[in-house]
């Protein structure tokens, strides 16, 4: 079952949206619905982090862009590196 709960975005909330894609995984979409990348929750409660992922066509898989302490920072990385 895909989790419907998603992390709250504070800085990007007006322009970006998170859409459930799997357990602890969300698609990051812009206002037009285009997929910017993915956000993955990793680690446990004491070491909770968020991984920014981008799809790589040549390898046909998601590749990590970086790990961040907040979902806002991970999404900002995806937005600013597009």
N, C-alpha and C. Protein backbone atom coordinates (compact mmCIF):
# COMPACT_ATOMS: atom_id res chain seq x y z
N UNK A 1 0.83 -1.18 0.00
CA UNK A 1 0.00 0.00 0.00
C UNK A 1 0.88 1.25 0.00
N UNK A 2 0.52 2.23 -0.78
CA UNK A 2 1.28 3.48 -0.85
C UNK A 2 0.84 4.39 0.29
N UNK A 3 1.83 4.91 1.00
CA UNK A 3 1.54 5.81 2.11
C UNK A 3 1.01 7.13 1.58
N UNK A 4 -0.07 7.62 2.19
CA UNK A 4 -0.62 8.91 1.77
C UNK A 4 -0.05 10.04 2.60
N UNK A 5 0.51 9.73 3.77
CA UNK A 5 1.13 10.77 4.59
C UNK A 5 2.41 11.22 3.91
N UNK A 6 2.60 12.50 3.85
CA UNK A 6 3.84 13.00 3.28
C UNK A 6 4.41 14.07 4.19
N UNK A 7 5.70 14.30 4.10
CA UNK A 7 6.32 15.34 4.92
C UNK A 7 5.75 16.71 4.54
N UNK A 8 5.65 17.57 5.52
CA UNK A 8 5.18 18.93 5.26
C UNK A 8 6.29 19.75 4.62
N UNK A 9 5.93 20.45 3.55
CA UNK A 9 6.86 21.38 2.92
C UNK A 9 6.49 22.78 3.37
N UNK A 10 7.44 23.51 3.91
CA UNK A 10 7.15 24.85 4.40
C UNK A 10 7.61 25.92 3.41
N UNK A 11 8.81 25.81 2.90
CA UNK A 11 9.33 26.84 2.00
C UNK A 11 8.86 26.66 0.56
N UNK A 12 8.58 25.44 0.13
CA UNK A 12 8.24 25.16 -1.26
C UNK A 12 6.74 24.90 -1.45
N UNK A 13 5.94 25.07 -0.43
CA UNK A 13 4.56 24.59 -0.46
C UNK A 13 3.69 25.19 -1.55
N UNK A 14 4.00 26.39 -2.00
CA UNK A 14 3.14 27.01 -3.01
C UNK A 14 3.43 26.52 -4.42
N UNK A 15 4.64 26.07 -4.66
CA UNK A 15 5.00 25.70 -6.02
C UNK A 15 5.21 24.21 -6.23
N UNK A 16 5.52 23.48 -5.19
CA UNK A 16 5.80 22.05 -5.30
C UNK A 16 4.76 21.23 -4.55
N UNK A 17 4.53 20.02 -5.05
CA UNK A 17 3.58 19.12 -4.42
C UNK A 17 4.20 17.74 -4.32
N UNK A 18 3.88 17.02 -3.24
CA UNK A 18 4.36 15.65 -3.07
C UNK A 18 3.21 14.69 -3.34
N UNK A 19 3.47 13.70 -4.19
CA UNK A 19 2.48 12.69 -4.56
C UNK A 19 3.05 11.33 -4.19
N UNK A 20 2.30 10.54 -3.43
CA UNK A 20 2.77 9.23 -3.00
C UNK A 20 3.18 8.35 -4.17
N UNK A 21 4.36 7.71 -4.05
CA UNK A 21 4.87 6.82 -5.10
C UNK A 21 5.26 5.46 -4.55
N UNK A 22 5.26 5.31 -3.24
CA UNK A 22 5.65 4.05 -2.59
C UNK A 22 5.84 4.30 -1.11
N UNK A 23 6.15 3.23 -0.38
CA UNK A 23 6.40 3.42 1.05
C UNK A 23 7.59 4.36 1.27
N UNK A 24 7.36 5.45 1.94
CA UNK A 24 8.40 6.44 2.25
C UNK A 24 9.01 7.07 1.00
N UNK A 25 8.23 7.14 -0.10
CA UNK A 25 8.71 7.70 -1.36
C UNK A 25 7.60 8.56 -1.98
N UNK A 26 7.97 9.77 -2.43
CA UNK A 26 7.02 10.69 -3.04
C UNK A 26 7.60 11.29 -4.29
N UNK A 27 6.74 11.52 -5.30
CA UNK A 27 7.13 12.28 -6.48
C UNK A 27 7.02 13.75 -6.12
N UNK A 28 7.99 14.52 -6.56
CA UNK A 28 7.96 15.97 -6.38
C UNK A 28 7.51 16.56 -7.71
N UNK A 29 6.35 17.22 -7.71
CA UNK A 29 5.82 17.79 -8.94
C UNK A 29 5.70 19.31 -8.82
N UNK A 30 5.80 19.98 -9.97
CA UNK A 30 5.65 21.44 -9.97
C UNK A 30 4.18 21.80 -10.18
N UNK A 31 3.91 23.09 -10.33
CA UNK A 31 2.53 23.57 -10.48
C UNK A 31 1.83 22.97 -11.69
N UNK A 32 2.58 22.68 -12.74
CA UNK A 32 2.01 22.13 -13.97
C UNK A 32 1.87 20.61 -13.91
N UNK A 33 2.33 19.99 -12.82
CA UNK A 33 2.24 18.54 -12.68
C UNK A 33 3.45 17.79 -13.22
N UNK A 34 4.47 18.52 -13.68
CA UNK A 34 5.69 17.87 -14.17
C UNK A 34 6.48 17.30 -13.00
N UNK A 35 7.02 16.11 -13.17
CA UNK A 35 7.82 15.47 -12.12
C UNK A 35 9.21 16.09 -12.13
N UNK A 36 9.60 16.65 -10.98
CA UNK A 36 10.91 17.28 -10.81
C UNK A 36 11.92 16.25 -10.32
N UNK A 37 11.46 15.33 -9.50
CA UNK A 37 12.32 14.30 -8.90
C UNK A 37 11.52 13.53 -7.87
N UNK A 38 12.21 12.87 -6.98
CA UNK A 38 11.56 12.10 -5.92
C UNK A 38 12.18 12.44 -4.57
N UNK A 39 11.38 12.26 -3.54
CA UNK A 39 11.81 12.47 -2.16
C UNK A 39 11.61 11.16 -1.41
N UNK A 40 12.64 10.71 -0.72
CA UNK A 40 12.57 9.44 0.01
C UNK A 40 12.94 9.69 1.47
N UNK A 41 12.10 9.17 2.38
CA UNK A 41 12.42 9.26 3.80
C UNK A 41 13.33 8.08 4.14
N UNK A 42 14.47 8.36 4.78
CA UNK A 42 15.41 7.29 5.13
C UNK A 42 15.81 7.42 6.60
N UNK A 43 16.28 6.33 7.17
CA UNK A 43 16.72 6.33 8.56
C UNK A 43 15.55 6.16 9.52
N UNK A 44 15.91 5.99 10.79
CA UNK A 44 14.90 5.84 11.83
C UNK A 44 14.59 7.17 12.48
N UNK A 45 13.80 7.12 13.55
CA UNK A 45 13.39 8.34 14.24
C UNK A 45 14.57 9.19 14.69
N UNK A 46 15.60 8.55 15.23
CA UNK A 46 16.75 9.30 15.75
C UNK A 46 17.62 9.86 14.63
N UNK A 47 17.60 9.24 13.46
CA UNK A 47 18.46 9.66 12.35
C UNK A 47 17.65 9.92 11.08
N UNK A 48 16.46 10.46 11.21
CA UNK A 48 15.59 10.69 10.07
C UNK A 48 16.21 11.71 9.12
N UNK A 49 16.26 11.33 7.84
CA UNK A 49 16.78 12.20 6.79
C UNK A 49 15.88 12.06 5.56
N UNK A 50 16.09 12.94 4.62
CA UNK A 50 15.34 12.91 3.37
C UNK A 50 16.32 12.91 2.22
N UNK A 51 16.12 11.98 1.29
CA UNK A 51 17.01 11.82 0.14
C UNK A 51 16.32 12.38 -1.10
N UNK A 52 17.01 13.24 -1.81
CA UNK A 52 16.54 13.75 -3.10
C UNK A 52 17.01 12.78 -4.17
N UNK A 53 16.10 12.37 -5.05
CA UNK A 53 16.41 11.43 -6.12
C UNK A 53 15.97 12.01 -7.45
N UNK A 54 16.73 11.69 -8.50
CA UNK A 54 16.35 12.12 -9.84
C UNK A 54 16.44 10.92 -10.77
N UNK A 55 15.49 10.82 -11.69
CA UNK A 55 15.47 9.71 -12.64
C UNK A 55 16.56 9.91 -13.69
N UNK A 56 17.33 8.87 -13.93
CA UNK A 56 18.40 8.90 -14.93
C UNK A 56 17.99 7.97 -16.07
N UNK A 57 17.68 8.54 -17.23
CA UNK A 57 17.16 7.75 -18.35
C UNK A 57 18.13 6.68 -18.83
N UNK A 58 19.40 7.02 -18.97
CA UNK A 58 20.38 6.07 -19.50
C UNK A 58 20.50 4.83 -18.62
N UNK A 59 20.37 5.01 -17.31
CA UNK A 59 20.46 3.87 -16.39
C UNK A 59 19.09 3.34 -16.00
N UNK A 60 18.04 4.02 -16.43
CA UNK A 60 16.65 3.63 -16.15
C UNK A 60 16.40 3.38 -14.67
N UNK A 61 16.89 4.31 -13.84
CA UNK A 61 16.66 4.18 -12.40
C UNK A 61 16.81 5.53 -11.72
N UNK A 62 16.35 5.59 -10.48
CA UNK A 62 16.51 6.80 -9.67
C UNK A 62 17.91 6.84 -9.08
N UNK A 63 18.56 7.98 -9.19
CA UNK A 63 19.90 8.16 -8.63
C UNK A 63 19.84 9.21 -7.52
N UNK A 64 20.57 8.99 -6.42
CA UNK A 64 20.55 9.97 -5.33
C UNK A 64 21.26 11.26 -5.72
N UNK A 65 20.66 12.37 -5.32
CA UNK A 65 21.26 13.69 -5.52
C UNK A 65 21.92 14.13 -4.22
N UNK A 66 21.31 13.77 -3.09
CA UNK A 66 21.88 14.11 -1.79
C UNK A 66 20.92 13.77 -0.66
N UNK A 67 21.45 13.72 0.56
CA UNK A 67 20.66 13.47 1.77
C UNK A 67 20.59 14.75 2.58
N UNK A 68 19.41 15.03 3.15
CA UNK A 68 19.17 16.29 3.84
C UNK A 68 18.40 16.05 5.14
N UNK A 69 18.52 17.00 6.07
CA UNK A 69 17.83 16.88 7.36
C UNK A 69 16.36 17.24 7.26
N UNK A 70 15.99 18.06 6.27
CA UNK A 70 14.59 18.47 6.14
C UNK A 70 14.09 18.18 4.72
N UNK A 71 12.78 17.92 4.59
CA UNK A 71 12.23 17.72 3.25
C UNK A 71 12.34 18.98 2.40
N UNK A 72 12.25 20.16 3.02
CA UNK A 72 12.39 21.41 2.28
C UNK A 72 13.74 21.51 1.60
N UNK A 73 14.81 21.16 2.32
CA UNK A 73 16.15 21.23 1.75
C UNK A 73 16.31 20.25 0.59
N UNK A 74 15.75 19.05 0.73
CA UNK A 74 15.84 18.05 -0.34
C UNK A 74 15.10 18.51 -1.59
N UNK A 75 13.90 19.06 -1.40
CA UNK A 75 13.12 19.55 -2.54
C UNK A 75 13.80 20.76 -3.17
N UNK A 76 14.35 21.65 -2.35
CA UNK A 76 15.07 22.82 -2.89
C UNK A 76 16.24 22.37 -3.76
N UNK A 77 16.93 21.32 -3.35
CA UNK A 77 18.04 20.79 -4.15
C UNK A 77 17.54 20.33 -5.51
N UNK A 78 16.41 19.62 -5.54
CA UNK A 78 15.85 19.15 -6.81
C UNK A 78 15.44 20.33 -7.69
N UNK A 79 14.78 21.31 -7.10
CA UNK A 79 14.30 22.46 -7.86
C UNK A 79 15.47 23.27 -8.42
N UNK A 80 16.47 23.50 -7.61
CA UNK A 80 17.59 24.36 -8.02
C UNK A 80 18.62 23.65 -8.90
N UNK A 81 18.53 22.33 -9.01
CA UNK A 81 19.49 21.60 -9.84
C UNK A 81 18.87 21.11 -11.14
N UNK A 82 17.62 21.48 -11.38
CA UNK A 82 16.93 21.01 -12.59
C UNK A 82 17.49 21.63 -13.84
